[in-house]
C-alpha atoms as a PDB file:
ATOM      1  CA  UNK A   1       0.008  -0.001   0.009  1.00  0.00           C
ATOM      2  CA  UNK A   2       1.446   3.373  -1.111  1.00  0.00           C
ATOM      3  CA  UNK A   3       1.194   6.118   1.462  1.00  0.00           C
ATOM      4  CA  UNK A   4       0.600   9.775   0.519  1.00  0.00           C
ATOM      5  CA  UNK A   5       3.770  11.779   0.084  1.00  0.00           C
ATOM      6  CA  UNK A   6       4.387  14.227   2.848  1.00  0.00           C
ATOM      7  CA  UNK A   7       5.277  17.852   2.388  1.00  0.00           C
ATOM      8  CA  UNK A   8       8.871  18.721   1.827  1.00  0.00           C
ATOM      9  CA  UNK A   9      10.485  19.507   5.206  1.00  0.00           C
ATOM     10  CA  UNK A  10      12.210  22.505   3.675  1.00  0.00           C
ATOM     11  CA  UNK A  11      10.100  23.990   0.879  1.00  0.00           C
ATOM     12  CA  UNK A  12       6.710  22.713   2.105  1.00  0.00           C
ATOM     13  CA  UNK A  13       5.889  21.562  -1.461  1.00  0.00           C
ATOM     14  CA  UNK A  14       3.970  18.388  -1.942  1.00  0.00           C
ATOM     15  CA  UNK A  15       5.627  17.094  -5.096  1.00  0.00           C
ATOM     16  CA  UNK A  16       9.321  16.856  -6.002  1.00  0.00           C
ATOM     17  CA  UNK A  17      10.402  18.108  -9.434  1.00  0.00           C
ATOM     18  CA  UNK A  18      13.304  17.276 -11.710  1.00  0.00           C
ATOM     19  CA  UNK A  19      15.421  19.928 -10.009  1.00  0.00           C
ATOM     20  CA  UNK A  20      14.873  18.167  -6.687  1.00  0.00           C
ATOM     21  CA  UNK A  21      16.155  14.932  -8.157  1.00  0.00           C
ATOM     22  CA  UNK A  22      19.177  16.802  -9.500  1.00  0.00           C
ATOM     23  CA  UNK A  23      19.825  18.230  -6.077  1.00  0.00           C
ATOM     24  CA  UNK A  24      19.472  14.770  -4.449  1.00  0.00           C
ATOM     25  CA  UNK A  25      21.901  13.308  -7.022  1.00  0.00           C
ATOM     26  CA  UNK A  26      24.400  16.014  -6.075  1.00  0.00           C
ATOM     27  CA  UNK A  27      24.039  15.078  -2.418  1.00  0.00           C
ATOM     28  CA  UNK A  28      24.603  11.424  -3.237  1.00  0.00           C
ATOM     29  CA  UNK A  29      27.582  12.270  -5.475  1.00  0.00           C
ATOM     30  CA  UNK A  30      29.227  14.330  -2.738  1.00  0.00           C
ATOM     31  CA  UNK A  31      28.215  12.697   0.532  1.00  0.00           C
ATOM     32  CA  UNK A  32      26.926   9.286  -0.350  1.00  0.00           C
ATOM     33  CA  UNK A  33      28.278   5.764  -0.546  1.00  0.00           C
ATOM     34  CA  UNK A  34      27.094   3.039  -2.927  1.00  0.00           C
ATOM     35  CA  UNK A  35      28.406  -0.427  -2.162  1.00  0.00           C
ATOM     36  CA  UNK A  36      27.647  -4.096  -2.330  1.00  0.00           C
ATOM     37  CA  UNK A  37      27.597  -5.433   1.199  1.00  0.00           C
ATOM     38  CA  UNK A  38      28.882  -8.974   1.778  1.00  0.00           C
ATOM     39  CA  UNK A  39      27.652 -10.686   4.895  1.00  0.00           C
ATOM     40  CA  UNK A  40      29.658 -13.704   6.030  1.00  0.00           C
ATOM     41  CA  UNK A  41      28.619 -16.321   8.557  1.00  0.00           C
ATOM     42  CA  UNK A  42      31.845 -17.355  10.272  1.00  0.00           C
ATOM     43  CA  UNK A  43      32.660 -21.036  10.354  1.00  0.00           C
ATOM     44  CA  UNK A  44      29.107 -22.275   9.723  1.00  0.00           C
ATOM     45  CA  UNK A  45      29.955 -23.246   6.143  1.00  0.00           C
ATOM     46  CA  UNK A  46      27.165 -20.998   4.841  1.00  0.00           C
ATOM     47  CA  UNK A  47      28.054 -18.922   1.788  1.00  0.00           C
ATOM     48  CA  UNK A  48      28.027 -15.130   2.142  1.00  0.00           C
ATOM     49  CA  UNK A  49      25.035 -13.026   1.030  1.00  0.00           C
ATOM     50  CA  UNK A  50      25.343  -9.934  -1.098  1.00  0.00           C
ATOM     51  CA  UNK A  51      23.066  -6.888  -1.201  1.00  0.00           C
ATOM     52  CA  UNK A  52      23.213  -3.362  -2.490  1.00  0.00           C
ATOM     53  CA  UNK A  53      23.461  -0.658   0.135  1.00  0.00           C
ATOM     54  CA  UNK A  54      23.292   3.134  -0.258  1.00  0.00           C
ATOM     55  CA  UNK A  55      24.319   5.348   2.670  1.00  0.00           C
ATOM     56  CA  UNK A  56      24.540   9.091   3.292  1.00  0.00           C
ATOM     57  CA  UNK A  57      26.101  10.406   6.512  1.00  0.00           C
ATOM     58  CA  UNK A  58      25.573  14.021   7.457  1.00  0.00           C
ATOM     59  CA  UNK A  59      25.535  16.307  10.471  1.00  0.00           C
ATOM     60  CA  UNK A  60      22.396  18.020   9.145  1.00  0.00           C
ATOM     61  CA  UNK A  61      19.407  15.731   9.731  1.00  0.00           C
ATOM     62  CA  UNK A  62      17.059  18.033   7.787  1.00  0.00           C
ATOM     63  CA  UNK A  63      19.209  17.547   4.671  1.00  0.00           C
ATOM     64  CA  UNK A  64      18.668  13.795   4.921  1.00  0.00           C
ATOM     65  CA  UNK A  65      14.947  14.194   5.398  1.00  0.00           C
ATOM     66  CA  UNK A  66      14.807  16.440   2.346  1.00  0.00           C
ATOM     67  CA  UNK A  67      16.813  13.881   0.325  1.00  0.00           C
ATOM     68  CA  UNK A  68      14.349  11.173   1.364  1.00  0.00           C
ATOM     69  CA  UNK A  69      11.412  13.371   0.333  1.00  0.00           C
ATOM     70  CA  UNK A  70      13.039  14.353  -3.032  1.00  0.00           C
ATOM     71  CA  UNK A  71      13.627  10.735  -4.096  1.00  0.00           C
ATOM     72  CA  UNK A  72      10.276   9.553  -2.795  1.00  0.00           C
ATOM     73  CA  UNK A  73      11.674   6.374  -1.237  1.00  0.00           C
ATOM     74  CA  UNK A  74      11.590   5.966   2.551  1.00  0.00           C
ATOM     75  CA  UNK A  75      14.912   4.959   4.048  1.00  0.00           C
ATOM     76  CA  UNK A  76      16.197   4.147   7.494  1.00  0.00           C
ATOM     77  CA  UNK A  77      17.329   7.313   9.278  1.00  0.00           C
ATOM     78  CA  UNK A  78      19.269   6.929  12.485  1.00  0.00           C
ATOM     79  CA  UNK A  79      21.558   9.110  14.576  1.00  0.00           C
ATOM     80  CA  UNK A  80      24.699   8.130  16.423  1.00  0.00           C
ATOM     81  CA  UNK A  81      25.266   9.846  19.759  1.00  0.00           C
ATOM     82  CA  UNK A  82      28.253  12.119  19.994  1.00  0.00           C
ATOM     83  CA  UNK A  83      31.422  10.561  21.379  1.00  0.00           C
ATOM     84  CA  UNK A  84      34.631  11.933  22.846  1.00  0.00           C
ATOM     85  CA  UNK A  85      36.281  11.926  19.417  1.00  0.00           C
ATOM     86  CA  UNK A  86      33.237  13.235  17.537  1.00  0.00           C
ATOM     87  CA  UNK A  87      31.358  15.902  19.448  1.00  0.00           C
ATOM     88  CA  UNK A  88      28.568  16.412  16.928  1.00  0.00           C
ATOM     89  CA  UNK A  89      25.661  14.071  16.222  1.00  0.00           C
ATOM     90  CA  UNK A  90      26.098  12.236  12.910  1.00  0.00           C
ATOM     91  CA  UNK A  91      22.941  11.186  11.105  1.00  0.00           C
ATOM     92  CA  UNK A  92      22.796   8.306   8.651  1.00  0.00           C
ATOM     93  CA  UNK A  93      20.266   7.607   5.928  1.00  0.00           C
ATOM     94  CA  UNK A  94      20.479   4.027   4.683  1.00  0.00           C
ATOM     95  CA  UNK A  95      18.755   2.183   1.868  1.00  0.00           C
ATOM     96  CA  UNK A  96      19.166  -1.588   1.441  1.00  0.00           C
ATOM     97  CA  UNK A  97      18.249  -3.948  -1.344  1.00  0.00           C
ATOM     98  CA  UNK A  98      15.227  -3.026  -3.474  1.00  0.00           C
ATOM     99  CA  UNK A  99      14.934   0.463  -1.994  1.00  0.00           C
ATOM    100  CA  UNK A 100      18.598   1.205  -2.819  1.00  0.00           C
ATOM    101  CA  UNK A 101      17.945   0.122  -6.415  1.00  0.00           C
ATOM    102  CA  UNK A 102      14.820   2.339  -6.565  1.00  0.00           C
ATOM    103  CA  UNK A 103      16.787   5.376  -5.394  1.00  0.00           C
ATOM    104  CA  UNK A 104      19.567   4.805  -7.933  1.00  0.00           C
ATOM    105  CA  UNK A 105      17.031   4.303 -10.696  1.00  0.00           C
ATOM    106  CA  UNK A 106      15.415   7.641  -9.924  1.00  0.00           C
ATOM    107  CA  UNK A 107      18.721   9.495  -9.683  1.00  0.00           C
ATOM    108  CA  UNK A 108      20.729   7.789 -12.395  1.00  0.00           C
ATOM    109  CA  UNK A 109      20.344  10.440 -15.131  1.00  0.00           C
ATOM    110  CA  UNK A 110      21.491  13.166 -12.705  1.00  0.00           C
ATOM    111  CA  UNK A 111      24.505  11.406 -11.221  1.00  0.00           C
ATOM    112  CA  UNK A 112      28.019  12.350 -12.189  1.00  0.00           C
ATOM    113  CA  UNK A 113      30.723  10.934  -9.907  1.00  0.00           C
ATOM    114  CA  UNK A 114      28.746   7.926  -8.811  1.00  0.00           C
ATOM    115  CA  UNK A 115      27.200   7.076 -12.210  1.00  0.00           C
ATOM    116  CA  UNK A 116      29.662   4.217 -12.886  1.00  0.00           C
ATOM    117  CA  UNK A 117      28.824   2.664  -9.488  1.00  0.00           C
ATOM    118  CA  UNK A 118      25.082   3.064 -10.143  1.00  0.00           C
ATOM    119  CA  UNK A 119      25.473   1.395 -13.545  1.00  0.00           C
ATOM    120  CA  UNK A 120      27.372  -1.486 -11.997  1.00  0.00           C
ATOM    121  CA  UNK A 121      24.667  -1.843  -9.315  1.00  0.00           C
ATOM    122  CA  UNK A 122      21.995  -2.089 -12.017  1.00  0.00           C
ATOM    123  CA  UNK A 123      24.012  -4.729 -13.805  1.00  0.00           C
ATOM    124  CA  UNK A 124      24.563  -6.583 -10.503  1.00  0.00           C
ATOM    125  CA  UNK A 125      20.787  -6.707  -9.994  1.00  0.00           C
ATOM    126  CA  UNK A 126      20.078  -7.885 -13.546  1.00  0.00           C
ATOM    127  CA  UNK A 127      22.786 -10.572 -13.840  1.00  0.00           C
ATOM    128  CA  UNK A 128      23.199 -11.977 -10.318  1.00  0.00           C
ATOM    129  CA  UNK A 129      19.663 -13.089  -9.513  1.00  0.00           C
ATOM    130  CA  UNK A 130      20.017 -11.420  -6.117  1.00  0.00           C
ATOM    131  CA  UNK A 131      16.406 -11.909  -5.061  1.00  0.00           C
ATOM    132  CA  UNK A 132      16.817 -15.657  -5.311  1.00  0.00           C
ATOM    133  CA  UNK A 133      16.829 -17.348  -1.941  1.00  0.00           C
ATOM    134  CA  UNK A 134      19.557 -19.941  -1.843  1.00  0.00           C
ATOM    135  CA  UNK A 135      17.657 -22.655  -0.018  1.00  0.00           C
ATOM    136  CA  UNK A 136      19.278 -25.886   1.189  1.00  0.00           C
ATOM    137  CA  UNK A 137      20.984 -26.650  -2.148  1.00  0.00           C
ATOM    138  CA  UNK A 138      22.266 -23.180  -2.836  1.00  0.00           C
ATOM    139  CA  UNK A 139      22.876 -21.368  -6.108  1.00  0.00           C
ATOM    140  CA  UNK A 140      25.038 -22.699  -8.929  1.00  0.00           C
ATOM    141  CA  UNK A 141      28.781 -22.053  -8.284  1.00  0.00           C
ATOM    142  CA  UNK A 142      28.946 -19.758 -11.330  1.00  0.00           C
ATOM    143  CA  UNK A 143      26.368 -17.475  -9.725  1.00  0.00           C
ATOM    144  CA  UNK A 144      28.392 -17.274  -6.498  1.00  0.00           C
ATOM    145  CA  UNK A 145      31.487 -16.366  -8.528  1.00  0.00           C
ATOM    146  CA  UNK A 146      29.600 -13.683 -10.423  1.00  0.00           C
ATOM    147  CA  UNK A 147      28.266 -12.151  -7.206  1.00  0.00           C
ATOM    148  CA  UNK A 148      31.770 -12.072  -5.760  1.00  0.00           C
ATOM    149  CA  UNK A 149      33.111 -10.525  -8.977  1.00  0.00           C
ATOM    150  CA  UNK A 150      30.560  -7.679  -8.719  1.00  0.00           C
ATOM    151  CA  UNK A 151      31.461  -7.200  -5.039  1.00  0.00           C
ATOM    152  CA  UNK A 152      35.179  -6.870  -5.922  1.00  0.00           C
ATOM    153  CA  UNK A 153      34.460  -4.676  -8.958  1.00  0.00           C
ATOM    154  CA  UNK A 154      32.402  -2.230  -6.850  1.00  0.00           C
ATOM    155  CA  UNK A 155      35.255  -2.056  -4.305  1.00  0.00           C
ATOM    156  CA  UNK A 156      37.666  -1.309  -7.177  1.00  0.00           C
ATOM    157  CA  UNK A 157      35.454   1.492  -8.489  1.00  0.00           C
ATOM    158  CA  UNK A 158      35.415   3.089  -5.034  1.00  0.00           C
ATOM    159  CA  UNK A 159      39.213   3.204  -4.958  1.00  0.00           C
ATOM    160  CA  UNK A 160      39.660   4.818  -8.350  1.00  0.00           C
END
């Protein structure tokens, strides 16, 4: 069930426009992180799982709320308490899995620095059958190798 979009926390407009998506893409380009998360399971013998994750960390919580409004996809917003080393509250907006893909799809045409990562993420979704639950017999070995290749390739893109 789709809920009604709330008013923008900044402009008080009800609907985002193309300029809002461009602004959100700039925030993601400058402050965001696109990566493929690999979750391992220790010595259990279970193979790792892979999922797309998109994160933006910022001291300004209102900026993250405006980003969430502009892209029209609800994320998980949480705040870490200040510590001795970091005396300001740091807010994090996180999108996992399908929601991360939705955000990237909406912002793709506006991205600049992160466009190669967004393209790789779309390819990862298309080729790696990531929504397939492995079950007791698992996926074919070639699929595991492909998922690992995309994980490594995304890491390489982040270093370049």
